[in-house]
Amino acid sequence: MANAGIAEGGPFATSDPASWRRVVDVNLTGSAQTARAFLPDLTVTAGYFLQIASLASLGATPMMSAYCASKAGVEAFAHALQAEVAHEGVAVGVAYPAWADTDMIREAEGFAALHELRAHMPPGVRNIRPADVVAARLARAVERRSTAVYIPAWLRLLQPLRWALPPVVLRLARRDLPRWDAGRPLRATGRLGAGGRADLAAAAPDDGRPG
């Protein structure tokens, strides 16, 4: 399962280029590196590789450009890999979870614009689901070697309608985005959650002093 991921929200125009690239590198390149490391064993065992994508793979939102780009990328990567290794007996699946109750999402909720983005989504999509419920669905997908798993399950209905999502998001954002940060300038969130903090800590220069 390729599940490592970090996120950082905020306007693209004022984003730090290195931080933007880092989100894409961890989420997309990290998934490819995971596959590269395990494909030899998966080929021998006719195994199964589950790529964790996101609701963001189905429809991008403002203020999350790096995360959305990376999750669209992992979906495309998984589909390409799926076609490459099927004849070797290796199955590849893609998971599309919506909002899960993780520390990354809880921290994002502290930023007005990101909270409003979620709160303005349709009922059923905007709900934050317990992490153990999401994990159980993913475990069943692994057991069944599912080609795709959607959480909630009805998200699969969005697949044939993906073309219609960008105009809807554009119309809502044009109307509501200026109000979503209560009149304050929209700002970067920094890396969100324990994973984001761990990534920053790992990248920090070592000053030679004991921890």
C-alpha atoms as a PDB file:
ATOM      1  CA  MET A   1       0.000   0.000   0.000  1.00  0.00           C
ATOM      2  CA  ALA A   2       1.373   3.383  -1.018  1.00  0.00           C
ATOM      3  CA  ASN A   3      -0.088   5.751   1.541  1.00  0.00           C
ATOM      4  CA  ALA A   4       2.632   8.235   2.562  1.00  0.00           C
ATOM      5  CA  GLY A   5       1.422  11.761   2.033  1.00  0.00           C
ATOM      6  CA  ILE A   6       1.743  15.334   3.246  1.00  0.00           C
ATOM      7  CA  ALA A   7      -0.349  18.417   2.561  1.00  0.00           C
ATOM      8  CA  GLU A   8      -0.014  22.170   2.694  1.00  0.00           C
ATOM      9  CA  GLY A   9      -2.786  24.595   1.877  1.00  0.00           C
ATOM     10  CA  GLY A  10      -2.758  28.189   0.694  1.00  0.00           C
ATOM     11  CA  PRO A  11      -2.757  30.317  -2.457  1.00  0.00           C
ATOM     12  CA  PHE A  12      -0.468  29.059  -5.214  1.00  0.00           C
ATOM     13  CA  ALA A  13       0.720  32.588  -6.077  1.00  0.00           C
ATOM     14  CA  THR A  14       2.303  33.108  -2.659  1.00  0.00           C
ATOM     15  CA  SER A  15       3.335  29.502  -1.990  1.00  0.00           C
ATOM     16  CA  ASP A  16       6.941  28.612  -1.292  1.00  0.00           C
ATOM     17  CA  PRO A  17       8.233  26.827  -4.416  1.00  0.00           C
ATOM     18  CA  ALA A  18      10.316  24.358  -2.422  1.00  0.00           C
ATOM     19  CA  SER A  19       7.395  23.427  -0.169  1.00  0.00           C
ATOM     20  CA  TRP A  20       5.089  23.058  -3.173  1.00  0.00           C
ATOM     21  CA  ARG A  21       7.563  20.703  -4.864  1.00  0.00           C
ATOM     22  CA  ARG A  22       8.033  18.752  -1.654  1.00  0.00           C
ATOM     23  CA  VAL A  23       4.329  17.902  -1.402  1.00  0.00           C
ATOM     24  CA  VAL A  24       4.402  16.561  -4.956  1.00  0.00           C
ATOM     25  CA  ASP A  25       7.666  14.719  -4.334  1.00  0.00           C
ATOM     26  CA  VAL A  26       6.451  12.912  -1.210  1.00  0.00           C
ATOM     27  CA  ASN A  27       2.998  12.092  -2.505  1.00  0.00           C
ATOM     28  CA  LEU A  28       3.721  11.220  -6.138  1.00  0.00           C
ATOM     29  CA  THR A  29       7.394  10.280  -6.340  1.00  0.00           C
ATOM     30  CA  GLY A  30       7.131   8.553  -2.965  1.00  0.00           C
ATOM     31  CA  SER A  31       4.330   6.351  -4.290  1.00  0.00           C
ATOM     32  CA  ALA A  32       6.421   5.425  -7.322  1.00  0.00           C
ATOM     33  CA  GLN A  33       9.382   4.597  -5.101  1.00  0.00           C
ATOM     34  CA  THR A  34       7.160   2.369  -2.975  1.00  0.00           C
ATOM     35  CA  ALA A  35       6.052   0.482  -6.066  1.00  0.00           C
ATOM     36  CA  ARG A  36       9.612   0.224  -7.334  1.00  0.00           C
ATOM     37  CA  ALA A  37      10.779  -1.285  -4.056  1.00  0.00           C
ATOM     38  CA  PHE A  38       8.057  -3.915  -3.828  1.00  0.00           C
ATOM     39  CA  LEU A  39       7.330  -4.860  -7.442  1.00  0.00           C
ATOM     40  CA  PRO A  40       9.917  -7.672  -7.539  1.00  0.00           C
ATOM     41  CA  ASP A  41       8.217  -9.422  -4.612  1.00  0.00           C
ATOM     42  CA  LEU A  42       4.742  -8.673  -5.951  1.00  0.00           C
ATOM     43  CA  THR A  43       5.697 -10.230  -9.277  1.00  0.00           C
ATOM     44  CA  VAL A  44       6.948 -13.407  -7.612  1.00  0.00           C
ATOM     45  CA  THR A  45       3.819 -13.729  -5.462  1.00  0.00           C
ATOM     46  CA  ALA A  46       1.248 -12.385  -7.964  1.00  0.00           C
ATOM     47  CA  GLY A  47       0.550  -9.776  -5.333  1.00  0.00           C
ATOM     48  CA  TYR A  48      -1.567  -6.677  -5.015  1.00  0.00           C
ATOM     49  CA  PHE A  49      -0.540  -3.017  -4.849  1.00  0.00           C
ATOM     50  CA  LEU A  50      -3.010  -0.458  -3.494  1.00  0.00           C
ATOM     51  CA  GLN A  51      -2.371   3.175  -4.335  1.00  0.00           C
ATOM     52  CA  ILE A  52      -4.046   5.667  -2.010  1.00  0.00           C
ATOM     53  CA  ALA A  53      -5.354   8.514  -4.138  1.00  0.00           C
ATOM     54  CA  SER A  54      -8.027  10.891  -2.825  1.00  0.00           C
ATOM     55  CA  LEU A  55     -11.269  12.682  -3.440  1.00  0.00           C
ATOM     56  CA  ALA A  56      -8.842  15.326  -4.708  1.00  0.00           C
ATOM     57  CA  SER A  57      -7.986  12.975  -7.603  1.00  0.00           C
ATOM     58  CA  LEU A  58     -11.577  13.208  -8.815  1.00  0.00           C
ATOM     59  CA  GLY A  59     -11.971  16.972  -8.502  1.00  0.00           C
ATOM     60  CA  ALA A  60      -9.387  19.635  -7.661  1.00  0.00           C
ATOM     61  CA  THR A  61     -10.120  22.486  -5.279  1.00  0.00           C
ATOM     62  CA  PRO A  62      -8.538  25.912  -4.780  1.00  0.00           C
ATOM     63  CA  MET A  63      -6.008  26.439  -1.991  1.00  0.00           C
ATOM     64  CA  MET A  64      -4.691  22.869  -2.345  1.00  0.00           C
ATOM     65  CA  SER A  65      -2.910  22.987  -5.709  1.00  0.00           C
ATOM     66  CA  ALA A  66       0.133  20.865  -4.796  1.00  0.00           C
ATOM     67  CA  TYR A  67      -1.927  18.227  -3.002  1.00  0.00           C
ATOM     68  CA  CYS A  68      -4.497  18.000  -5.799  1.00  0.00           C
ATOM     69  CA  ALA A  69      -1.801  17.833  -8.470  1.00  0.00           C
ATOM     70  CA  SER A  70       0.005  15.075  -6.598  1.00  0.00           C
ATOM     71  CA  LYS A  71      -3.154  13.025  -6.083  1.00  0.00           C
ATOM     72  CA  ALA A  72      -4.178  13.357  -9.719  1.00  0.00           C
ATOM     73  CA  GLY A  73      -0.658  12.166 -10.490  1.00  0.00           C
ATOM     74  CA  VAL A  74      -0.804   9.090  -8.269  1.00  0.00           C
ATOM     75  CA  GLU A  75      -4.082   8.070  -9.889  1.00  0.00           C
ATOM     76  CA  ALA A  76      -2.513   8.308 -13.357  1.00  0.00           C
ATOM     77  CA  PHE A  77       0.602   6.494 -12.155  1.00  0.00           C
ATOM     78  CA  ALA A  78      -1.470   3.643 -10.711  1.00  0.00           C
ATOM     79  CA  HIS A  79      -3.465   3.256 -13.916  1.00  0.00           C
ATOM     80  CA  ALA A  80      -0.277   3.133 -15.980  1.00  0.00           C
ATOM     81  CA  LEU A  81       1.284   0.596 -13.628  1.00  0.00           C
ATOM     82  CA  GLN A  82      -1.904  -1.462 -13.616  1.00  0.00           C
ATOM     83  CA  ALA A  83      -1.708  -1.882 -17.381  1.00  0.00           C
ATOM     84  CA  GLU A  84       2.014  -2.704 -17.292  1.00  0.00           C
ATOM     85  CA  VAL A  85       1.933  -5.503 -14.718  1.00  0.00           C
ATOM     86  CA  ALA A  86      -1.458  -7.154 -15.267  1.00  0.00           C
ATOM     87  CA  HIS A  87       0.034  -9.817 -17.549  1.00  0.00           C
ATOM     88  CA  GLU A  88       2.417 -10.765 -14.730  1.00  0.00           C
ATOM     89  CA  GLY A  89      -0.454 -11.507 -12.364  1.00  0.00           C
ATOM     90  CA  VAL A  90       0.051  -8.371 -10.264  1.00  0.00           C
ATOM     91  CA  ALA A  91      -3.135  -6.446  -9.457  1.00  0.00           C
ATOM     92  CA  VAL A  92      -3.139  -2.688  -8.854  1.00  0.00           C
ATOM     93  CA  GLY A  93      -5.962  -0.826  -7.165  1.00  0.00           C
ATOM     94  CA  VAL A  94      -6.709   2.836  -6.538  1.00  0.00           C
ATOM     95  CA  ALA A  95      -8.413   4.106  -3.382  1.00  0.00           C
ATOM     96  CA  TYR A  96     -10.426   7.330  -3.361  1.00  0.00           C
ATOM     97  CA  PRO A  97     -11.090   8.273   0.280  1.00  0.00           C
ATOM     98  CA  ALA A  98     -12.857  11.514   1.101  1.00  0.00           C
ATOM     99  CA  TRP A  99     -12.330  13.149   4.503  1.00  0.00           C
ATOM    100  CA  ALA A 100     -10.938  10.998   7.318  1.00  0.00           C
ATOM    101  CA  ASP A 101     -10.471  11.978  10.954  1.00  0.00           C
ATOM    102  CA  THR A 102      -6.682  12.296  10.957  1.00  0.00           C
ATOM    103  CA  ASP A 103      -4.483  14.934  12.524  1.00  0.00           C
ATOM    104  CA  MET A 104      -3.829  16.366   9.050  1.00  0.00           C
ATOM    105  CA  ILE A 105      -7.543  17.025   8.519  1.00  0.00           C
ATOM    106  CA  ARG A 106      -8.047  18.271  12.081  1.00  0.00           C
ATOM    107  CA  GLU A 107      -5.289  20.850  11.615  1.00  0.00           C
ATOM    108  CA  ALA A 108      -6.686  21.884   8.230  1.00  0.00           C
ATOM    109  CA  GLU A 109     -10.016  22.569   9.925  1.00  0.00           C
ATOM    110  CA  GLY A 110      -8.292  25.317  11.915  1.00  0.00           C
ATOM    111  CA  PHE A 111      -7.915  27.401   8.753  1.00  0.00           C
ATOM    112  CA  ALA A 112     -11.113  29.155   7.788  1.00  0.00           C
ATOM    113  CA  ALA A 113     -10.698  28.811   4.020  1.00  0.00           C
ATOM    114  CA  LEU A 114     -10.000  25.058   4.169  1.00  0.00           C
ATOM    115  CA  HIS A 115     -12.863  24.488   6.597  1.00  0.00           C
ATOM    116  CA  GLU A 116     -15.230  26.360   4.299  1.00  0.00           C
ATOM    117  CA  LEU A 117     -14.024  24.378   1.289  1.00  0.00           C
ATOM    118  CA  ARG A 118     -15.052  21.172   3.017  1.00  0.00           C
ATOM    119  CA  ALA A 119     -18.231  22.562   4.570  1.00  0.00           C
ATOM    120  CA  HIS A 120     -19.518  23.765   1.174  1.00  0.00           C
ATOM    121  CA  MET A 121     -19.227  20.333  -0.392  1.00  0.00           C
ATOM    122  CA  PRO A 122     -22.426  18.315  -0.924  1.00  0.00           C
ATOM    123  CA  PRO A 123     -23.855  16.333   2.017  1.00  0.00           C
ATOM    124  CA  GLY A 124     -22.157  12.978   2.292  1.00  0.00           C
ATOM    125  CA  VAL A 125     -18.923  14.250   0.753  1.00  0.00           C
ATOM    126  CA  ARG A 126     -18.181  16.840   3.421  1.00  0.00           C
ATOM    127  CA  ASN A 127     -18.559  14.413   6.337  1.00  0.00           C
ATOM    128  CA  ILE A 128     -15.383  13.502   8.227  1.00  0.00           C
ATOM    129  CA  ARG A 129     -15.295   9.737   8.728  1.00  0.00           C
ATOM    130  CA  PRO A 130     -13.522   7.920  11.584  1.00  0.00           C
ATOM    131  CA  ALA A 131     -10.075   6.754  10.556  1.00  0.00           C
ATOM    132  CA  ASP A 132     -10.798   3.170  11.619  1.00  0.00           C
ATOM    133  CA  VAL A 133     -13.822   3.046   9.290  1.00  0.00           C
ATOM    134  CA  VAL A 134     -11.664   4.173   6.379  1.00  0.00           C
ATOM    135  CA  ALA A 135      -8.945   1.673   7.345  1.00  0.00           C
ATOM    136  CA  ALA A 136     -11.466  -1.185   7.416  1.00  0.00           C
ATOM    137  CA  ARG A 137     -12.651  -0.325   3.908  1.00  0.00           C
ATOM    138  CA  LEU A 138      -9.067  -0.275   2.675  1.00  0.00           C
ATOM    139  CA  ALA A 139      -8.368  -3.624   4.309  1.00  0.00           C
ATOM    140  CA  ARG A 140     -11.359  -5.160   2.502  1.00  0.00           C
ATOM    141  CA  ALA A 141     -10.081  -3.708  -0.766  1.00  0.00           C
ATOM    142  CA  VAL A 142      -6.756  -5.466  -0.228  1.00  0.00           C
ATOM    143  CA  GLU A 143      -8.488  -8.748   0.585  1.00  0.00           C
ATOM    144  CA  ARG A 144     -10.597  -8.497  -2.566  1.00  0.00           C
ATOM    145  CA  ARG A 145      -7.791  -7.131  -4.782  1.00  0.00           C
ATOM    146  CA  SER A 146     -10.183  -4.348  -5.769  1.00  0.00           C
ATOM    147  CA  THR A 147      -9.464  -2.314  -8.882  1.00  0.00           C
ATOM    148  CA  ALA A 148     -10.982   0.753  -7.212  1.00  0.00           C
ATOM    149  CA  VAL A 149     -12.378   1.546  -3.785  1.00  0.00           C
ATOM    150  CA  TYR A 150     -14.394   4.665  -2.974  1.00  0.00           C
ATOM    151  CA  ILE A 151     -15.012   5.965   0.548  1.00  0.00           C
ATOM    152  CA  PRO A 152     -17.930   6.620   0.721  1.00  0.00           C
ATOM    153  CA  ALA A 153     -18.918   4.009  -1.843  1.00  0.00           C
ATOM    154  CA  TRP A 154     -21.247   6.318  -3.799  1.00  0.00           C
ATOM    155  CA  LEU A 155     -18.282   8.467  -4.870  1.00  0.00           C
ATOM    156  CA  ARG A 156     -17.920   6.047  -7.764  1.00  0.00           C
ATOM    157  CA  LEU A 157     -20.881   7.895  -9.296  1.00  0.00           C
ATOM    158  CA  LEU A 158     -18.619  10.929  -9.767  1.00  0.00           C
ATOM    159  CA  GLN A 159     -16.335   9.118 -12.192  1.00  0.00           C
ATOM    160  CA  PRO A 160     -18.474   9.693 -15.299  1.00  0.00           C
ATOM    161  CA  LEU A 161     -19.203  13.267 -14.162  1.00  0.00           C
ATOM    162  CA  ARG A 162     -15.643  14.424 -13.551  1.00  0.00           C
ATOM    163  CA  TRP A 163     -15.747  16.714 -16.550  1.00  0.00           C
ATOM    164  CA  ALA A 164     -18.505  18.760 -14.891  1.00  0.00           C
ATOM    165  CA  LEU A 165     -16.690  19.386 -11.594  1.00  0.00           C
ATOM    166  CA  PRO A 166     -14.191  22.152 -12.572  1.00  0.00           C
ATOM    167  CA  PRO A 167     -16.889  24.607 -13.768  1.00  0.00           C
ATOM    168  CA  VAL A 168     -18.885  24.018 -10.571  1.00  0.00           C
ATOM    169  CA  VAL A 169     -15.842  24.546  -8.344  1.00  0.00           C
ATOM    170  CA  LEU A 170     -14.893  27.651 -10.324  1.00  0.00           C
ATOM    171  CA  ARG A 171     -18.337  29.189  -9.940  1.00  0.00           C
ATOM    172  CA  LEU A 172     -18.423  28.541  -6.179  1.00  0.00           C
ATOM    173  CA  ALA A 173     -14.880  29.742  -5.601  1.00  0.00           C
ATOM    174  CA  ARG A 174     -15.386  32.953  -7.583  1.00  0.00           C
ATOM    175  CA  ARG A 175     -18.400  33.746  -5.440  1.00  0.00           C
ATOM    176  CA  ASP A 176     -17.263  32.554  -2.027  1.00  0.00           C
ATOM    177  CA  LEU A 177     -13.470  32.450  -1.816  1.00  0.00           C
ATOM    178  CA  PRO A 178     -13.066  36.139  -0.870  1.00  0.00           C
ATOM    179  CA  ARG A 179     -15.287  35.547   2.192  1.00  0.00           C
ATOM    180  CA  TRP A 180     -13.775  32.266   3.343  1.00  0.00           C
ATOM    181  CA  ASP A 181     -11.005  33.728   5.449  1.00  0.00           C
ATOM    182  CA  ALA A 182     -13.195  36.263   7.243  1.00  0.00           C
ATOM    183  CA  GLY A 183     -11.720  39.231   5.398  1.00  0.00           C
ATOM    184  CA  ARG A 184      -8.106  38.330   6.184  1.00  0.00           C
ATOM    185  CA  PRO A 185      -5.632  37.576   3.388  1.00  0.00           C
ATOM    186  CA  LEU A 186      -5.692  33.904   2.428  1.00  0.00           C
ATOM    187  CA  ARG A 187      -2.495  32.424   3.799  1.00  0.00           C
ATOM    188  CA  ALA A 188      -0.398  29.279   3.701  1.00  0.00           C
ATOM    189  CA  THR A 189      -1.100  26.658   6.343  1.00  0.00           C
ATOM    190  CA  GLY A 190       2.383  25.203   6.574  1.00  0.00           C
ATOM    191  CA  ARG A 191       2.758  21.423   6.537  1.00  0.00           C
ATOM    192  CA  LEU A 192      -0.277  19.842   8.118  1.00  0.00           C
ATOM    193  CA  GLY A 193      -0.366  16.997  10.608  1.00  0.00           C
ATOM    194  CA  ALA A 194       2.250  14.782  12.193  1.00  0.00           C
ATOM    195  CA  GLY A 195       3.484  13.640   8.786  1.00  0.00           C
ATOM    196  CA  GLY A 196       4.081  17.210   7.673  1.00  0.00           C
ATOM    197  CA  ARG A 197       5.955  18.041  10.870  1.00  0.00           C
ATOM    198  CA  ALA A 198       8.047  14.887  10.588  1.00  0.00           C
ATOM    199  CA  ASP A 199       8.952  15.769   7.019  1.00  0.00           C
ATOM    200  CA  LEU A 200      10.044  19.259   8.065  1.00  0.00           C
ATOM    201  CA  ALA A 201      12.066  17.844  10.940  1.00  0.00           C
ATOM    202  CA  ALA A 202      13.803  15.365   8.644  1.00  0.00           C
ATOM    203  CA  ALA A 203      14.732  18.164   6.254  1.00  0.00           C
ATOM    204  CA  ALA A 204      16.077  20.457   8.997  1.00  0.00           C
ATOM    205  CA  PRO A 205      19.881  20.871   8.946  1.00  0.00           C
ATOM    206  CA  ASP A 206      21.775  19.051  11.653  1.00  0.00           C
ATOM    207  CA  ASP A 207      23.590  21.634  13.793  1.00  0.00           C
ATOM    208  CA  GLY A 208      25.732  18.980  15.450  1.00  0.00           C
ATOM    209  CA  ARG A 209      24.209  19.446  18.885  1.00  0.00           C
ATOM    210  CA  PRO A 210      22.753  16.460  20.732  1.00  0.00           C
ATOM    211  CA  GLY A 211      18.971  16.135  20.554  1.00  0.00           C
END
